[in-house]
Amino acid sequence: MQFNKWAAKTTPEEIGGSFEADHGAVGSAPSDPSTEADELGLYETVPTVPRRHSLRYLAERLKLRQLAEERLIRLADELLKLATEVRYHDPLMAEVLDEAWISTDTALSLLEDE
C-alpha cells in the first residue's frame, strides 16, 4: 500500500526521465540511412597511404624472387651441362637430367607469371 502512495506522488522526471512518443513520425516512411550518412558527411573518403612495413615486405619479396630466379637459372645451366656430359655414358641418367631441366624451366615460367 505504501508503494502505491509513493508512486502516485512521484513524476516520471523524478524517477529518471520519461519517454514521450512522437506522434508526428508515426505515419511517415523510414528514411534511407545511406542518404542520411551522405548528407551528414560522416563517412568522408580519406586517401589511403601504403604502410611502411608493407613497402618493406614488398621490397623483400621482390629481392627474394630475384634471388630465386637467379638460382633457378644457375641450376638449369648446371643440369644442362651435366646432361650433355653424361649423355654418352648413361643415356637414362641424361633423360632424368633433361626432365629436371624442363622442371626448372617450368618453375621459372611460373615465377615470372606471379
Protein backbone atom coordinates (compact mmCIF):
# COMPACT_ATOMS: atom_id res chain seq x y z
CA MET A 1 0.00 0.00 0.00
CA GLN A 2 2.80 2.42 0.79
CA PHE A 3 4.40 1.75 -2.58
CA ASN A 4 1.30 2.88 -4.42
CA LYS A 5 1.19 6.11 -2.41
CA TRP A 6 4.85 6.83 -3.21
CA ALA A 7 4.34 6.05 -6.90
CA ALA A 8 1.37 8.37 -7.08
CA LYS A 9 3.36 11.27 -5.60
CA THR A 10 6.37 10.99 -7.95
CA THR A 11 6.53 12.15 -11.52
CA PRO A 12 8.41 10.37 -14.36
CA GLU A 13 11.06 13.13 -14.38
CA GLU A 14 11.95 12.35 -10.76
CA ILE A 15 12.31 8.62 -11.45
CA GLY A 16 14.84 9.04 -14.19
CA GLY A 17 13.23 10.58 -17.20
CA SER A 18 10.25 9.86 -19.35
CA PHE A 19 9.61 8.68 -22.83
CA GLU A 20 7.25 10.63 -24.97
CA ALA A 21 6.16 9.20 -28.28
CA ASP A 22 6.49 11.41 -31.35
CA HIS A 23 3.04 11.19 -32.84
CA GLY A 24 4.03 13.11 -35.97
CA ALA A 25 6.50 10.43 -37.08
CA VAL A 26 4.03 7.55 -36.89
CA GLY A 27 2.72 7.96 -40.43
CA SER A 28 6.00 8.87 -42.13
CA ALA A 29 8.08 6.32 -44.01
CA PRO A 30 11.55 5.45 -42.71
CA SER A 31 14.31 7.32 -44.49
CA ASP A 32 17.23 5.67 -46.24
CA PRO A 33 20.21 5.52 -43.84
CA SER A 34 22.76 5.82 -46.64
CA THR A 35 21.40 9.19 -47.76
CA GLU A 36 21.39 10.46 -44.20
CA ALA A 37 25.04 9.49 -43.76
CA ASP A 38 25.95 11.18 -47.03
CA GLU A 39 24.17 14.36 -46.02
CA LEU A 40 25.86 14.49 -42.65
CA GLY A 41 29.33 13.89 -44.05
CA LEU A 42 30.11 11.17 -41.53
CA TYR A 43 31.96 8.95 -43.97
CA GLU A 44 34.34 11.21 -45.81
CA THR A 45 36.76 9.50 -48.15
CA VAL A 46 40.32 9.59 -46.93
CA PRO A 47 43.14 8.70 -49.31
CA THR A 48 44.94 5.59 -48.17
CA VAL A 49 48.70 5.64 -47.89
CA PRO A 50 50.57 2.34 -48.02
CA ARG A 51 52.14 1.44 -44.73
CA ARG A 52 55.88 1.46 -44.29
CA HIS A 53 56.09 -2.20 -43.28
CA SER A 54 54.10 -3.27 -46.34
CA LEU A 55 56.58 -1.47 -48.58
CA ARG A 56 59.41 -3.22 -46.77
CA TYR A 57 57.61 -6.54 -47.24
CA LEU A 58 57.17 -5.91 -50.95
CA ALA A 59 60.84 -4.97 -51.34
CA GLU A 60 61.96 -8.13 -49.54
CA ARG A 61 59.61 -10.25 -51.60
CA LEU A 62 60.96 -8.75 -54.83
CA LYS A 63 64.54 -9.37 -53.68
CA LEU A 64 63.76 -12.99 -52.78
CA ARG A 65 62.02 -13.54 -56.11
CA GLN A 66 65.08 -12.22 -57.97
CA LEU A 67 67.34 -14.46 -55.89
CA ALA A 68 65.16 -17.50 -56.61
CA GLU A 69 65.16 -16.68 -60.31
CA GLU A 70 68.97 -16.40 -60.38
CA ARG A 71 69.38 -19.72 -58.58
CA LEU A 72 66.91 -21.47 -60.87
CA ILE A 73 68.77 -20.17 -63.93
CA ARG A 74 72.08 -21.34 -62.48
CA LEU A 75 70.60 -24.75 -61.63
CA ALA A 76 69.16 -25.12 -65.13
CA ASP A 77 72.57 -24.35 -66.67
CA GLU A 78 74.31 -26.90 -64.43
CA LEU A 79 71.70 -29.56 -65.21
CA LEU A 80 72.07 -28.96 -68.94
CA LYS A 81 75.88 -29.18 -68.77
CA LEU A 82 75.73 -32.34 -66.68
CA ALA A 83 73.20 -33.94 -69.03
CA THR A 84 75.44 -33.30 -72.06
CA GLU A 85 78.48 -34.77 -70.24
CA VAL A 86 76.60 -37.89 -69.09
CA ARG A 87 74.60 -38.48 -72.28
CA TYR A 88 77.19 -40.74 -73.91
CA HIS A 89 77.96 -42.81 -70.79
CA ASP A 90 74.48 -43.15 -69.26
CA PRO A 91 71.53 -42.20 -71.50
CA LEU A 92 68.93 -42.94 -68.79
CA MET A 93 70.61 -40.53 -66.37
CA ALA A 94 70.73 -37.93 -69.14
CA GLU A 95 66.97 -38.30 -69.68
CA VAL A 96 66.34 -37.76 -65.96
CA LEU A 97 68.55 -34.67 -66.00
CA ASP A 98 66.68 -33.38 -69.07
CA GLU A 99 63.37 -33.80 -67.21
CA ALA A 100 64.82 -31.91 -64.25
CA TRP A 101 65.93 -29.15 -66.63
CA ILE A 102 62.38 -28.97 -68.04
CA SER A 103 61.06 -28.71 -64.47
CA THR A 104 63.33 -25.75 -63.75
CA ASP A 105 62.11 -24.10 -66.93
CA THR A 106 58.51 -24.62 -65.77
CA ALA A 107 59.38 -23.19 -62.35
CA LEU A 108 60.92 -20.11 -63.98
CA SER A 109 57.83 -19.51 -66.09
CA LEU A 110 55.60 -19.85 -63.01
CA LEU A 111 57.82 -17.43 -61.11
CA GLU A 112 57.60 -14.87 -63.91
CA ASP A 113 53.79 -15.20 -64.09
CA GLU A 114 53.38 -14.06 -60.49
